[in-house]
Amino acid sequence: SYFGGRRPADGRIDWSQPAVKIHDLARGVAPPYPGAYTQVRGKILRILGTRILPRPPTADHVPSLFIRDGRCYAACVNDTALEILAMEMDGAPLTADAFAGSFGSEPVFPETAAQ
């Protein structure tokens, strides 16, 4: 049997999913495919590498992206979380410090399909 090729839309992150599903998506559509992505304040943020956290850091809002101790995290549903190991915005690598410089130190909320 045959399956059609991947499209960029296949990488859109569904933030109603727990961390393991988002991690699997990020791995499944990693380069050379277009990568997993979300929109934050109108900007496309590609998530290129993640790690599932055994004990998630606390977050006031789910889903949210936030910086703590120089690292970027994603708070996901069901009290799960990811550490974001690699990401990019506008085609350039984005560090945790650059993320904070672009979006501030407060948690940011990725846009969901329902928004």
C-alpha atoms as a PDB file:
ATOM      1  CA  SER A   1       0.000   0.000   0.000  1.00  0.00           C
ATOM      2  CA  TYR A   2       1.011   3.624  -0.412  1.00  0.00           C
ATOM      3  CA  PHE A   3       0.737   6.644   1.821  1.00  0.00           C
ATOM      4  CA  GLY A   4       0.933  10.229   0.586  1.00  0.00           C
ATOM      5  CA  GLY A   5       3.886  12.422   1.468  1.00  0.00           C
ATOM      6  CA  ARG A   6       3.967  14.618   4.535  1.00  0.00           C
ATOM      7  CA  ARG A   7       2.695  18.169   4.284  1.00  0.00           C
ATOM      8  CA  PRO A   8       3.698  21.088   6.507  1.00  0.00           C
ATOM      9  CA  ALA A   9       0.231  21.018   8.117  1.00  0.00           C
ATOM     10  CA  ASP A  10       0.995  17.501   9.423  1.00  0.00           C
ATOM     11  CA  GLY A  11       3.437  19.104  11.872  1.00  0.00           C
ATOM     12  CA  ARG A  12       1.002  21.492  13.592  1.00  0.00           C
ATOM     13  CA  ILE A  13       1.108  20.824  17.337  1.00  0.00           C
ATOM     14  CA  ASP A  14      -2.223  19.990  18.958  1.00  0.00           C
ATOM     15  CA  TRP A  15      -1.838  21.363  22.472  1.00  0.00           C
ATOM     16  CA  SER A  16      -4.816  19.330  23.706  1.00  0.00           C
ATOM     17  CA  GLN A  17      -2.471  16.300  23.600  1.00  0.00           C
ATOM     18  CA  PRO A  18      -0.193  15.170  26.451  1.00  0.00           C
ATOM     19  CA  ALA A  19       3.572  15.647  26.280  1.00  0.00           C
ATOM     20  CA  VAL A  20       4.318  12.148  24.955  1.00  0.00           C
ATOM     21  CA  LYS A  21       2.113  12.724  21.873  1.00  0.00           C
ATOM     22  CA  ILE A  22       3.707  16.110  21.177  1.00  0.00           C
ATOM     23  CA  HIS A  23       7.171  14.592  21.645  1.00  0.00           C
ATOM     24  CA  ASP A  24       6.299  11.794  19.207  1.00  0.00           C
ATOM     25  CA  LEU A  25       5.035  14.348  16.675  1.00  0.00           C
ATOM     26  CA  ALA A  26       8.227  16.397  16.972  1.00  0.00           C
ATOM     27  CA  ARG A  27      10.302  13.251  16.372  1.00  0.00           C
ATOM     28  CA  GLY A  28       8.100  12.056  13.517  1.00  0.00           C
ATOM     29  CA  VAL A  29       8.217  15.268  11.496  1.00  0.00           C
ATOM     30  CA  ALA A  30      11.765  16.337  12.393  1.00  0.00           C
ATOM     31  CA  PRO A  31      14.050  17.530   9.591  1.00  0.00           C
ATOM     32  CA  PRO A  32      14.339  16.723   6.759  1.00  0.00           C
ATOM     33  CA  TYR A  33      10.550  17.020   7.075  1.00  0.00           C
ATOM     34  CA  PRO A  34       9.145  20.500   7.807  1.00  0.00           C
ATOM     35  CA  GLY A  35       9.115  19.914  11.587  1.00  0.00           C
ATOM     36  CA  ALA A  36       6.553  20.365  14.357  1.00  0.00           C
ATOM     37  CA  TYR A  37       5.346  23.904  14.797  1.00  0.00           C
ATOM     38  CA  THR A  38       3.060  26.184  16.729  1.00  0.00           C
ATOM     39  CA  GLN A  39       2.163  29.832  16.564  1.00  0.00           C
ATOM     40  CA  VAL A  40       3.052  32.209  19.379  1.00  0.00           C
ATOM     41  CA  ARG A  41       1.841  35.806  19.149  1.00  0.00           C
ATOM     42  CA  GLY A  42       1.508  35.475  15.391  1.00  0.00           C
ATOM     43  CA  LYS A  43       4.996  34.027  14.856  1.00  0.00           C
ATOM     44  CA  ILE A  44       5.715  30.466  13.728  1.00  0.00           C
ATOM     45  CA  LEU A  45       7.864  28.593  16.239  1.00  0.00           C
ATOM     46  CA  ARG A  46       9.305  25.295  15.018  1.00  0.00           C
ATOM     47  CA  ILE A  47       9.966  22.722  17.717  1.00  0.00           C
ATOM     48  CA  LEU A  48      12.836  20.548  16.492  1.00  0.00           C
ATOM     49  CA  GLY A  49      13.828  18.578  19.580  1.00  0.00           C
ATOM     50  CA  THR A  50      12.145  17.729  22.875  1.00  0.00           C
ATOM     51  CA  ARG A  51      12.581  15.589  25.954  1.00  0.00           C
ATOM     52  CA  ILE A  52       9.740  14.241  28.075  1.00  0.00           C
ATOM     53  CA  LEU A  53      10.166  15.266  31.697  1.00  0.00           C
ATOM     54  CA  PRO A  54       9.625  12.639  34.387  1.00  0.00           C
ATOM     55  CA  ARG A  55       8.599  15.344  36.863  1.00  0.00           C
ATOM     56  CA  PRO A  56       7.095  18.378  35.169  1.00  0.00           C
ATOM     57  CA  PRO A  57       7.851  21.843  36.531  1.00  0.00           C
ATOM     58  CA  THR A  58       4.749  23.577  37.788  1.00  0.00           C
ATOM     59  CA  ALA A  59       2.994  25.962  35.442  1.00  0.00           C
ATOM     60  CA  ASP A  60       0.130  28.353  36.060  1.00  0.00           C
ATOM     61  CA  HIS A  61      -1.436  27.816  32.652  1.00  0.00           C
ATOM     62  CA  VAL A  62      -1.662  24.814  30.328  1.00  0.00           C
ATOM     63  CA  PRO A  63      -0.659  24.835  27.570  1.00  0.00           C
ATOM     64  CA  SER A  64       2.160  27.318  27.944  1.00  0.00           C
ATOM     65  CA  LEU A  65       5.777  27.817  26.980  1.00  0.00           C
ATOM     66  CA  PHE A  66       8.110  29.235  29.595  1.00  0.00           C
ATOM     67  CA  ILE A  67      11.736  29.695  30.577  1.00  0.00           C
ATOM     68  CA  ARG A  68      13.132  28.479  33.868  1.00  0.00           C
ATOM     69  CA  ASP A  69      16.806  28.329  34.831  1.00  0.00           C
ATOM     70  CA  GLY A  70      17.903  29.094  31.280  1.00  0.00           C
ATOM     71  CA  ARG A  71      15.874  26.287  29.690  1.00  0.00           C
ATOM     72  CA  CYS A  72      12.659  26.326  27.689  1.00  0.00           C
ATOM     73  CA  TYR A  73       9.704  24.151  28.716  1.00  0.00           C
ATOM     74  CA  ALA A  74       6.236  23.344  27.441  1.00  0.00           C
ATOM     75  CA  ALA A  75       3.520  22.676  30.008  1.00  0.00           C
ATOM     76  CA  CYS A  76       1.109  20.185  28.467  1.00  0.00           C
ATOM     77  CA  VAL A  77      -2.216  18.654  29.474  1.00  0.00           C
ATOM     78  CA  ASN A  78      -2.572  15.863  32.056  1.00  0.00           C
ATOM     79  CA  ASP A  79       0.200  17.347  34.205  1.00  0.00           C
ATOM     80  CA  THR A  80       2.866  16.487  31.619  1.00  0.00           C
ATOM     81  CA  ALA A  81       5.683  18.619  30.267  1.00  0.00           C
ATOM     82  CA  LEU A  82       8.504  18.761  27.767  1.00  0.00           C
ATOM     83  CA  GLU A  83      11.886  20.374  27.781  1.00  0.00           C
ATOM     84  CA  ILE A  84      12.375  22.003  24.390  1.00  0.00           C
ATOM     85  CA  LEU A  85      15.899  21.148  23.325  1.00  0.00           C
ATOM     86  CA  ALA A  86      15.921  22.781  19.882  1.00  0.00           C
ATOM     87  CA  MET A  87      13.643  25.333  18.246  1.00  0.00           C
ATOM     88  CA  GLU A  88      13.736  27.962  15.565  1.00  0.00           C
ATOM     89  CA  MET A  89      11.852  31.049  14.536  1.00  0.00           C
ATOM     90  CA  ASP A  90      12.049  32.811  11.174  1.00  0.00           C
ATOM     91  CA  GLY A  91      14.419  30.090   9.956  1.00  0.00           C
ATOM     92  CA  ALA A  92      17.047  30.780  12.636  1.00  0.00           C
ATOM     93  CA  PRO A  93      17.885  28.721  15.742  1.00  0.00           C
ATOM     94  CA  LEU A  94      16.288  30.106  18.895  1.00  0.00           C
ATOM     95  CA  THR A  95      17.908  29.681  22.306  1.00  0.00           C
ATOM     96  CA  ALA A  96      16.050  29.956  25.597  1.00  0.00           C
ATOM     97  CA  ASP A  97      17.601  33.414  26.130  1.00  0.00           C
ATOM     98  CA  ALA A  98      16.518  34.543  22.662  1.00  0.00           C
ATOM     99  CA  PHE A  99      13.032  33.149  23.341  1.00  0.00           C
ATOM    100  CA  ALA A 100      12.848  35.236  26.517  1.00  0.00           C
ATOM    101  CA  GLY A 101      14.120  38.254  24.579  1.00  0.00           C
ATOM    102  CA  SER A 102      11.399  37.826  21.962  1.00  0.00           C
ATOM    103  CA  PHE A 103       8.469  36.921  24.221  1.00  0.00           C
ATOM    104  CA  GLY A 104       9.447  38.058  27.724  1.00  0.00           C
ATOM    105  CA  SER A 105       9.991  36.133  30.916  1.00  0.00           C
ATOM    106  CA  GLU A 106       6.325  35.375  31.610  1.00  0.00           C
ATOM    107  CA  PRO A 107       4.758  32.173  30.193  1.00  0.00           C
ATOM    108  CA  VAL A 108       3.391  32.502  26.668  1.00  0.00           C
ATOM    109  CA  PHE A 109       0.430  30.640  25.310  1.00  0.00           C
ATOM    110  CA  PRO A 110       0.683  28.840  21.978  1.00  0.00           C
ATOM    111  CA  GLU A 111      -2.239  29.318  19.666  1.00  0.00           C
ATOM    112  CA  THR A 112      -4.476  26.310  19.436  1.00  0.00           C
ATOM    113  CA  ALA A 113      -6.568  25.219  16.477  1.00  0.00           C
ATOM    114  CA  ALA A 114      -9.709  26.457  18.256  1.00  0.00           C
ATOM    115  CA  GLN A 115      -8.395  30.029  18.479  1.00  0.00           C
END
